[in-house]
Amino acid sequence: MPNLVMEYSNSVDERINIQGLLEDLHQATMNSGLFERSSVKSRALRYHTWLIGEQEDDADFIHIQFELLSGRTAEQKRQLTRTLMEVLEQQATDVHSLTINVRDMDRDCFQKVLN
C-alpha cells in the first residue's frame, strides 16, 4: 500500500533524470522489506509554480511525500527515510532543497479496490 509521491520544481528536469530517479526510489522502497513488493506505488508530480523563502522560484526542490498504512515502528520509518534520502543525495546533489515526509494512514479508514 505505500504511496511514494515525488514532487519537484520544473527546473530540476534540466539536470536530473526524473524517470531514473523515480525508478531508483521505487526500487529502494521495494527492497526495504517493509512492504509487499506488488503494493508499492510511486509517481512524480512536476510543479511549474513555487516559492522558497526569499529565493522564491530561484531555488529548486525535490520533496517526497510517503504515505503508508499505520503499524510500522518509528525506527522502520526513520530507516526508510534515510534510504530514500541516500538515493536523493546521490542523484540530486545540486538541487537546493531535498526533503522527505513520511505519514501514517489510518488502517480503519483506508479503502482499496482492485479490478
Protein backbone atom coordinates (compact mmCIF):
# COMPACT_ATOMS: atom_id res chain seq x y z
CA MET A 1 0.00 0.00 0.00
CA PRO A 2 2.73 2.57 0.28
CA ASN A 3 2.46 5.62 -1.95
CA LEU A 4 5.64 7.48 -2.82
CA VAL A 5 4.94 10.86 -4.42
CA MET A 6 7.99 12.75 -5.62
CA GLU A 7 7.20 16.44 -6.09
CA TYR A 8 9.76 18.59 -7.89
CA SER A 9 10.25 22.01 -9.44
CA ASN A 10 10.35 22.05 -13.21
CA SER A 11 13.88 23.49 -13.11
CA VAL A 12 15.09 20.12 -11.78
CA ASP A 13 14.14 18.47 -15.09
CA GLU A 14 17.04 20.23 -16.80
CA ARG A 15 19.66 18.50 -14.64
CA ILE A 16 18.13 15.30 -13.22
CA ASN A 17 16.83 12.18 -14.93
CA ILE A 18 13.44 12.22 -13.20
CA GLN A 19 12.29 8.84 -14.54
CA GLY A 20 15.55 7.20 -13.44
CA LEU A 21 15.39 8.81 -10.01
CA LEU A 22 11.77 7.71 -9.55
CA GLU A 23 12.67 4.15 -10.57
CA ASP A 24 15.56 4.08 -8.07
CA LEU A 25 13.35 5.41 -5.26
CA HIS A 26 10.69 2.83 -6.16
CA GLN A 27 13.27 0.04 -6.11
CA ALA A 28 14.68 1.21 -2.77
CA THR A 29 11.16 1.13 -1.32
CA MET A 30 10.54 -2.38 -2.63
CA ASN A 31 13.92 -3.53 -1.29
CA SER A 32 13.24 -2.12 2.18
CA GLY A 33 11.49 -5.31 3.27
CA LEU A 34 8.68 -3.25 4.84
CA PHE A 35 6.08 -3.80 2.13
CA GLU A 36 4.76 -6.36 -0.31
CA ARG A 37 6.63 -5.51 -3.50
CA SER A 38 3.44 -5.61 -5.57
CA SER A 39 1.78 -2.98 -3.37
CA VAL A 40 4.42 -0.23 -3.83
CA LYS A 41 3.19 2.71 -5.91
CA SER A 42 5.38 5.62 -6.99
CA ARG A 43 4.70 8.70 -9.06
CA ALA A 44 6.19 12.11 -9.80
CA LEU A 45 4.50 15.50 -9.87
CA ARG A 46 6.18 18.41 -11.63
CA TYR A 47 5.46 21.92 -10.38
CA HIS A 48 5.66 24.97 -12.60
CA THR A 49 4.95 27.47 -9.85
CA TRP A 50 6.62 27.51 -6.41
CA LEU A 51 8.25 29.83 -3.89
CA ILE A 52 11.00 29.05 -1.38
CA GLY A 53 11.75 31.72 1.21
CA GLU A 54 13.28 34.89 -0.13
CA GLN A 55 14.80 33.00 -3.06
CA GLU A 56 11.28 32.48 -4.39
CA ASP A 57 11.49 30.42 -7.61
CA ASP A 58 15.27 30.82 -7.96
CA ALA A 59 15.71 27.83 -5.64
CA ASP A 60 14.60 24.39 -6.77
CA PHE A 61 13.37 21.42 -4.78
CA ILE A 62 12.52 17.75 -4.62
CA HIS A 63 10.10 16.68 -1.91
CA ILE A 64 8.98 13.11 -1.26
CA GLN A 65 5.62 12.61 0.36
CA PHE A 66 5.48 8.99 1.53
CA GLU A 67 2.20 7.58 2.83
CA LEU A 68 1.92 4.13 4.38
CA LEU A 69 -0.59 2.25 6.45
CA SER A 70 -0.06 2.67 10.18
CA GLY A 71 1.75 -0.03 12.10
CA ARG A 72 5.43 0.47 11.27
CA THR A 73 7.78 1.44 14.08
CA ALA A 74 9.42 4.84 14.25
CA GLU A 75 12.79 3.19 13.60
CA GLN A 76 11.47 1.43 10.48
CA LYS A 77 10.19 4.75 9.16
CA ARG A 78 13.48 6.51 10.01
CA GLN A 79 15.44 3.81 8.17
CA LEU A 80 13.17 4.14 5.14
CA THR A 81 13.66 7.91 5.17
CA ARG A 82 17.45 7.51 5.40
CA THR A 83 17.47 5.04 2.50
CA LEU A 84 15.38 7.31 0.28
CA MET A 85 17.49 10.35 1.19
CA GLU A 86 20.65 8.47 0.20
CA VAL A 87 19.17 7.92 -3.27
CA LEU A 88 18.20 11.61 -3.50
CA GLU A 89 21.61 12.82 -2.35
CA GLN A 90 23.41 10.60 -4.86
CA GLN A 91 21.39 11.80 -7.83
CA ALA A 92 20.33 15.33 -6.94
CA THR A 93 23.39 16.88 -5.31
CA ASP A 94 22.87 20.29 -6.87
CA VAL A 95 19.15 20.64 -6.02
CA HIS A 96 18.67 23.35 -3.38
CA SER A 97 16.13 21.59 -1.16
CA LEU A 98 15.72 17.83 -0.65
CA THR A 99 13.02 16.80 1.83
CA ILE A 100 11.06 13.70 2.79
CA ASN A 101 7.94 13.36 4.91
CA VAL A 102 6.51 10.00 5.99
CA ARG A 103 2.85 9.88 7.01
CA ASP A 104 0.82 7.10 8.55
CA MET A 105 -2.58 6.42 7.05
CA ASP A 106 -5.43 5.19 9.26
CA ARG A 107 -5.92 1.46 8.57
CA ASP A 108 -9.55 1.63 9.68
CA CYS A 109 -10.41 4.34 7.14
CA PHE A 110 -8.30 3.28 4.15
CA GLN A 111 -10.24 1.74 1.27
CA LYS A 112 -8.85 -0.10 -1.74
CA VAL A 113 -10.48 -1.70 -4.78
CA LEU A 114 -8.54 -3.70 -7.35
CA ASN A 115 -10.17 -4.60 -10.68
